[in-house]
Amino acid sequence: YLKSLLIGELAPDQPSFESNKKKSL
């Protein structure tokens, strides 16, 4: 199901987590 919904990928320098969430957590 996901294949048909894919519209792109994040840039390598862009974090995938939100800035208010701690990466270590």
PDB file of all heavy atoms in Angstrom:
ATOM      1  N   TYR A   1       0.816  -1.205   0.000  1.00  0.00           N
ATOM      2  CA  TYR A   1       0.000   0.000   0.000  1.00  0.00           C
ATOM      3  C   TYR A   1       0.855   1.263   0.000  1.00  0.00           C
ATOM      4  O   TYR A   1       0.474   2.285  -0.565  1.00  0.00           O
ATOM      5  CB  TYR A   1      -0.935   0.012   1.212  1.00  0.00           C
ATOM      6  CG  TYR A   1      -1.975  -1.061   1.163  1.00  0.00           C
ATOM      7  CD1 TYR A   1      -1.832  -2.234   1.897  1.00  0.00           C
ATOM      8  CD2 TYR A   1      -3.100  -0.918   0.365  1.00  0.00           C
ATOM      9  CE1 TYR A   1      -2.793  -3.230   1.839  1.00  0.00           C
ATOM     10  CE2 TYR A   1      -4.075  -1.910   0.310  1.00  0.00           C
ATOM     11  CZ  TYR A   1      -3.902  -3.062   1.056  1.00  0.00           C
ATOM     12  OH  TYR A   1      -4.848  -4.035   0.984  1.00  0.00           O
ATOM     13  N   LEU A   2       2.009   1.198   0.645  1.00  0.00           N
ATOM     14  CA  LEU A   2       2.843   2.381   0.764  1.00  0.00           C
ATOM     15  C   LEU A   2       3.464   2.809  -0.566  1.00  0.00           C
ATOM     16  O   LEU A   2       3.685   3.995  -0.785  1.00  0.00           O
ATOM     17  CB  LEU A   2       3.958   2.144   1.790  1.00  0.00           C
ATOM     18  CG  LEU A   2       3.549   2.199   3.256  1.00  0.00           C
ATOM     19  CD1 LEU A   2       4.740   1.921   4.149  1.00  0.00           C
ATOM     20  CD2 LEU A   2       2.941   3.538   3.601  1.00  0.00           C
ATOM     21  N   LYS A   3       3.744   1.867  -1.446  1.00  0.00           N
ATOM     22  CA  LYS A   3       4.390   2.206  -2.722  1.00  0.00           C
ATOM     23  C   LYS A   3       3.604   3.244  -3.498  1.00  0.00           C
ATOM     24  O   LYS A   3       4.171   4.173  -4.065  1.00  0.00           O
ATOM     25  CB  LYS A   3       4.580   0.951  -3.567  1.00  0.00           C
ATOM     26  CG  LYS A   3       5.685   0.065  -3.109  1.00  0.00           C
ATOM     27  CD  LYS A   3       5.805  -1.152  -4.006  1.00  0.00           C
ATOM     28  CE  LYS A   3       6.829  -2.118  -3.428  1.00  0.00           C
ATOM     29  NZ  LYS A   3       6.907  -3.351  -4.223  1.00  0.00           N
ATOM     30  N   SER A   4       2.309   3.102  -3.534  1.00  0.00           N
ATOM     31  CA  SER A   4       1.485   4.044  -4.299  1.00  0.00           C
ATOM     32  C   SER A   4       1.340   5.393  -3.608  1.00  0.00           C
ATOM     33  O   SER A   4       0.945   6.373  -4.240  1.00  0.00           O
ATOM     34  CB  SER A   4       0.105   3.447  -4.553  1.00  0.00           C
ATOM     35  OG  SER A   4      -0.579   3.265  -3.324  1.00  0.00           O
ATOM     36  N   LEU A   5       1.670   5.471  -2.330  1.00  0.00           N
ATOM     37  CA  LEU A   5       1.516   6.715  -1.581  1.00  0.00           C
ATOM     38  C   LEU A   5       2.803   7.524  -1.491  1.00  0.00           C
ATOM     39  O   LEU A   5       2.794   8.669  -1.040  1.00  0.00           O
ATOM     40  CB  LEU A   5       1.016   6.407  -0.164  1.00  0.00           C
ATOM     41  CG  LEU A   5      -0.296   5.627  -0.062  1.00  0.00           C
ATOM     42  CD1 LEU A   5      -0.588   5.286   1.384  1.00  0.00           C
ATOM     43  CD2 LEU A   5      -1.435   6.403  -0.673  1.00  0.00           C
ATOM     44  N   LEU A   6       3.925   6.948  -1.910  1.00  0.00           N
ATOM     45  CA  LEU A   6       5.232   7.595  -1.801  1.00  0.00           C
ATOM     46  C   LEU A   6       5.298   8.824  -2.705  1.00  0.00           C
ATOM     47  O   LEU A   6       4.998   8.752  -3.889  1.00  0.00           O
ATOM     48  CB  LEU A   6       6.335   6.610  -2.191  1.00  0.00           C
ATOM     49  CG  LEU A   6       7.764   7.107  -2.094  1.00  0.00           C
ATOM     50  CD1 LEU A   6       8.119   7.397  -0.646  1.00  0.00           C
ATOM     51  CD2 LEU A   6       8.723   6.083  -2.670  1.00  0.00           C
ATOM     52  N   ILE A   7       5.669   9.971  -2.110  1.00  0.00           N
ATOM     53  CA  ILE A   7       5.790  11.201  -2.911  1.00  0.00           C
ATOM     54  C   ILE A   7       7.200  11.770  -2.874  1.00  0.00           C
ATOM     55  O   ILE A   7       7.498  12.702  -3.601  1.00  0.00           O
ATOM     56  CB  ILE A   7       4.771  12.270  -2.452  1.00  0.00           C
ATOM     57  CG1 ILE A   7       4.955  12.617  -0.981  1.00  0.00           C
ATOM     58  CG2 ILE A   7       3.370  11.838  -2.759  1.00  0.00           C
ATOM     59  CD1 ILE A   7       4.113  13.795  -0.512  1.00  0.00           C
ATOM     60  N   GLY A   8       8.076  11.248  -2.031  1.00  0.00           N
ATOM     61  CA  GLY A   8       9.435  11.772  -1.991  1.00  0.00           C
ATOM     62  C   GLY A   8      10.215  11.232  -0.815  1.00  0.00           C
ATOM     63  O   GLY A   8       9.776  10.328  -0.105  1.00  0.00           O
ATOM     64  N   GLU A   9      11.379  11.814  -0.652  1.00  0.00           N
ATOM     65  CA  GLU A   9      12.264  11.406   0.433  1.00  0.00           C
ATOM     66  C   GLU A   9      12.863  12.659   1.053  1.00  0.00           C
ATOM     67  O   GLU A   9      13.051  13.668   0.374  1.00  0.00           O
ATOM     68  CB  GLU A   9      13.361  10.503  -0.120  1.00  0.00           C
ATOM     69  CG  GLU A   9      14.030   9.669   0.935  1.00  0.00           C
ATOM     70  CD  GLU A   9      14.869   8.551   0.338  1.00  0.00           C
ATOM     71  OE1 GLU A   9      14.478   8.002  -0.708  1.00  0.00           O
ATOM     72  OE2 GLU A   9      15.898   8.240   0.936  1.00  0.00           O
ATOM     73  N   LEU A  10      13.158  12.602   2.347  1.00  0.00           N
ATOM     74  CA  LEU A  10      13.747  13.751   3.013  1.00  0.00           C
ATOM     75  C   LEU A  10      15.164  13.982   2.497  1.00  0.00           C
ATOM     76  O   LEU A  10      15.876  13.039   2.141  1.00  0.00           O
ATOM     77  CB  LEU A  10      13.802  13.523   4.527  1.00  0.00           C
ATOM     78  CG  LEU A  10      12.471  13.458   5.258  1.00  0.00           C
ATOM     79  CD1 LEU A  10      12.691  13.153   6.732  1.00  0.00           C
ATOM     80  CD2 LEU A  10      11.687  14.745   5.113  1.00  0.00           C
ATOM     81  N   ALA A  11      15.571  15.237   2.470  1.00  0.00           N
ATOM     82  CA  ALA A  11      16.937  15.572   2.086  1.00  0.00           C
ATOM     83  C   ALA A  11      17.897  15.007   3.121  1.00  0.00           C
ATOM     84  O   ALA A  11      17.544  14.893   4.313  1.00  0.00           O
ATOM     85  CB  ALA A  11      17.088  17.088   1.982  1.00  0.00           C
ATOM     86  N   PRO A  12      19.117  14.639   2.700  1.00  0.00           N
ATOM     87  CA  PRO A  12      20.068  14.041   3.643  1.00  0.00           C
ATOM     88  C   PRO A  12      20.388  14.917   4.854  1.00  0.00           C
ATOM     89  O   PRO A  12      20.644  14.400   5.939  1.00  0.00           O
ATOM     90  CB  PRO A  12      21.326  13.824   2.798  1.00  0.00           C
ATOM     91  CG  PRO A  12      20.857  13.798   1.398  1.00  0.00           C
ATOM     92  CD  PRO A  12      19.640  14.671   1.336  1.00  0.00           C
ATOM     93  N   ASP A  13      20.347  16.233   4.676  1.00  0.00           N
ATOM     94  CA  ASP A  13      20.671  17.125   5.792  1.00  0.00           C
ATOM     95  C   ASP A  13      19.472  17.468   6.660  1.00  0.00           C
ATOM     96  O   ASP A  13      19.600  18.105   7.686  1.00  0.00           O
ATOM     97  CB  ASP A  13      21.309  18.409   5.262  1.00  0.00           C
ATOM     98  CG  ASP A  13      20.377  19.164   4.321  1.00  0.00           C
ATOM     99  OD1 ASP A  13      19.520  18.516   3.687  1.00  0.00           O
ATOM    100  OD2 ASP A  13      20.528  20.399   4.233  1.00  0.00           O
ATOM    101  N   GLN A  14      18.296  17.030   6.256  1.00  0.00           N
ATOM    102  CA  GLN A  14      17.079  17.338   6.997  1.00  0.00           C
ATOM    103  C   GLN A  14      16.806  16.254   8.027  1.00  0.00           C
ATOM    104  O   GLN A  14      16.743  15.069   7.687  1.00  0.00           O
ATOM    105  CB  GLN A  14      15.898  17.465   6.046  1.00  0.00           C
ATOM    106  CG  GLN A  14      14.644  17.988   6.700  1.00  0.00           C
ATOM    107  CD  GLN A  14      13.546  18.229   5.680  1.00  0.00           C
ATOM    108  OE1 GLN A  14      13.654  17.834   4.531  1.00  0.00           O
ATOM    109  NE2 GLN A  14      12.476  18.876   6.119  1.00  0.00           N
ATOM    110  N   PRO A  15      16.626  16.652   9.316  1.00  0.00           N
ATOM    111  CA  PRO A  15      16.336  15.630  10.333  1.00  0.00           C
ATOM    112  C   PRO A  15      14.935  15.076  10.164  1.00  0.00           C
ATOM    113  O   PRO A  15      14.013  15.783   9.779  1.00  0.00           O
ATOM    114  CB  PRO A  15      16.468  16.398  11.656  1.00  0.00           C
ATOM    115  CG  PRO A  15      16.209  17.815  11.307  1.00  0.00           C
ATOM    116  CD  PRO A  15      16.678  17.994   9.871  1.00  0.00           C
ATOM    117  N   SER A  16      14.771  13.792  10.458  1.00  0.00           N
ATOM    118  CA  SER A  16      13.447  13.177  10.319  1.00  0.00           C
ATOM    119  C   SER A  16      12.623  13.318  11.587  1.00  0.00           C
ATOM    120  O   SER A  16      11.429  13.085  11.571  1.00  0.00           O
ATOM    121  CB  SER A  16      13.589  11.699   9.963  1.00  0.00           C
ATOM    122  OG  SER A  16      14.229  11.017  11.001  1.00  0.00           O
ATOM    123  N   PHE A  17      13.252  13.688  12.668  1.00  0.00           N
ATOM    124  CA  PHE A  17      12.514  13.848  13.918  1.00  0.00           C
ATOM    125  C   PHE A  17      12.192  15.323  14.133  1.00  0.00           C
ATOM    126  O   PHE A  17      12.822  16.199  13.555  1.00  0.00           O
ATOM    127  CB  PHE A  17      13.317  13.293  15.100  1.00  0.00           C
ATOM    128  CG  PHE A  17      14.640  13.981  15.301  1.00  0.00           C
ATOM    129  CD1 PHE A  17      14.753  15.057  16.153  1.00  0.00           C
ATOM    130  CD2 PHE A  17      15.771  13.554  14.621  1.00  0.00           C
ATOM    131  CE1 PHE A  17      15.966  15.702  16.329  1.00  0.00           C
ATOM    132  CE2 PHE A  17      16.981  14.186  14.792  1.00  0.00           C
ATOM    133  CZ  PHE A  17      17.081  15.266  15.637  1.00  0.00           C
ATOM    134  N   GLU A  18      11.223  15.569  14.975  1.00  0.00           N
ATOM    135  CA  GLU A  18      10.829  16.947  15.260  1.00  0.00           C
ATOM    136  C   GLU A  18      11.865  17.605  16.151  1.00  0.00           C
ATOM    137  O   GLU A  18      12.501  16.955  16.978  1.00  0.00           O
ATOM    138  CB  GLU A  18       9.476  16.966  15.971  1.00  0.00           C
ATOM    139  CG  GLU A  18       8.336  16.500  15.105  1.00  0.00           C
ATOM    140  CD  GLU A  18       7.040  16.528  15.856  1.00  0.00           C
ATOM    141  OE1 GLU A  18       6.741  17.544  16.490  1.00  0.00           O
ATOM    142  OE2 GLU A  18       6.340  15.517  15.810  1.00  0.00           O
ATOM    143  N   SER A  19      12.005  18.897  16.003  1.00  0.00           N
ATOM    144  CA  SER A  19      13.023  19.615  16.772  1.00  0.00           C
ATOM    145  C   SER A  19      12.720  19.634  18.266  1.00  0.00           C
ATOM    146  O   SER A  19      13.633  19.740  19.076  1.00  0.00           O
ATOM    147  CB  SER A  19      13.156  21.047  16.254  1.00  0.00           C
ATOM    148  OG  SER A  19      11.907  21.712  16.358  1.00  0.00           O
ATOM    149  N   ASN A  20      11.448  19.503  18.644  1.00  0.00           N
ATOM    150  CA  ASN A  20      11.101  19.511  20.067  1.00  0.00           C
ATOM    151  C   ASN A  20      11.284  18.140  20.721  1.00  0.00           C
ATOM    152  O   ASN A  20      11.115  18.004  21.920  1.00  0.00           O
ATOM    153  CB  ASN A  20       9.677  20.026  20.287  1.00  0.00           C
ATOM    154  CG  ASN A  20       8.628  19.143  19.636  1.00  0.00           C
ATOM    155  OD1 ASN A  20       8.954  18.245  18.862  1.00  0.00           O
ATOM    156  ND2 ASN A  20       7.372  19.405  19.943  1.00  0.00           N
ATOM    157  N   LYS A  21      11.612  17.113  19.935  1.00  0.00           N
ATOM    158  CA  LYS A  21      11.874  15.788  20.483  1.00  0.00           C
ATOM    159  C   LYS A  21      13.381  15.582  20.552  1.00  0.00           C
ATOM    160  O   LYS A  21      14.100  15.943  19.631  1.00  0.00           O
ATOM    161  CB  LYS A  21      11.248  14.700  19.614  1.00  0.00           C
ATOM    162  CG  LYS A  21       9.754  14.695  19.624  1.00  0.00           C
ATOM    163  CD  LYS A  21       9.227  13.550  18.800  1.00  0.00           C
ATOM    164  CE  LYS A  21       7.711  13.523  18.822  1.00  0.00           C
ATOM    165  NZ  LYS A  21       7.182  12.473  17.959  1.00  0.00           N
ATOM    166  N   LYS A  22      13.838  15.001  21.624  1.00  0.00           N
ATOM    167  CA  LYS A  22      15.266  14.778  21.785  1.00  0.00           C
ATOM    168  C   LYS A  22      15.692  13.562  20.975  1.00  0.00           C
ATOM    169  O   LYS A  22      15.096  12.491  21.080  1.00  0.00           O
ATOM    170  CB  LYS A  22      15.615  14.594  23.250  1.00  0.00           C
ATOM    171  CG  LYS A  22      15.396  15.833  24.079  1.00  0.00           C
ATOM    172  CD  LYS A  22      15.877  15.633  25.483  1.00  0.00           C
ATOM    173  CE  LYS A  22      15.690  16.914  26.272  1.00  0.00           C
ATOM    174  NZ  LYS A  22      16.145  16.748  27.650  1.00  0.00           N
ATOM    175  N   LYS A  23      16.741  13.748  20.197  1.00  0.00           N
ATOM    176  CA  LYS A  23      17.229  12.665  19.351  1.00  0.00           C
ATOM    177  C   LYS A  23      17.707  11.488  20.191  1.00  0.00           C
ATOM    178  O   LYS A  23      17.471  10.330  19.848  1.00  0.00           O
ATOM    179  CB  LYS A  23      18.357  13.171  18.456  1.00  0.00           C
ATOM    180  CG  LYS A  23      18.816  12.144  17.459  1.00  0.00           C
ATOM    181  CD  LYS A  23      19.847  12.697  16.524  1.00  0.00           C
ATOM    182  CE  LYS A  23      20.233  11.618  15.523  1.00  0.00           C
ATOM    183  NZ  LYS A  23      21.181  12.088  14.537  1.00  0.00           N
ATOM    184  N   SER A  24      18.356  11.751  21.330  1.00  0.00           N
ATOM    185  CA  SER A  24      18.858  10.664  22.180  1.00  0.00           C
ATOM    186  C   SER A  24      17.708   9.836  22.752  1.00  0.00           C
ATOM    187  O   SER A  24      17.820   8.620  22.890  1.00  0.00           O
ATOM    188  CB  SER A  24      19.728  11.216  23.306  1.00  0.00           C
ATOM    189  OG  SER A  24      18.977  12.077  24.137  1.00  0.00           O
ATOM    190  N   LEU A  25      16.592  10.496  23.060  1.00  0.00           N
ATOM    191  CA  LEU A  25      15.429   9.779  23.577  1.00  0.00           C
ATOM    192  C   LEU A  25      14.847   8.852  22.512  1.00  0.00           C
ATOM    193  O   LEU A  25      14.502   7.699  22.797  1.00  0.00           O
ATOM    194  CB  LEU A  25      14.371  10.775  24.054  1.00  0.00           C
ATOM    195  CG  LEU A  25      13.114  10.187  24.680  1.00  0.00           C
ATOM    196  CD1 LEU A  25      13.461   9.411  25.943  1.00  0.00           C
ATOM    197  CD2 LEU A  25      12.118  11.269  24.985  1.00  0.00           C
TER     198      LEU A  25
END
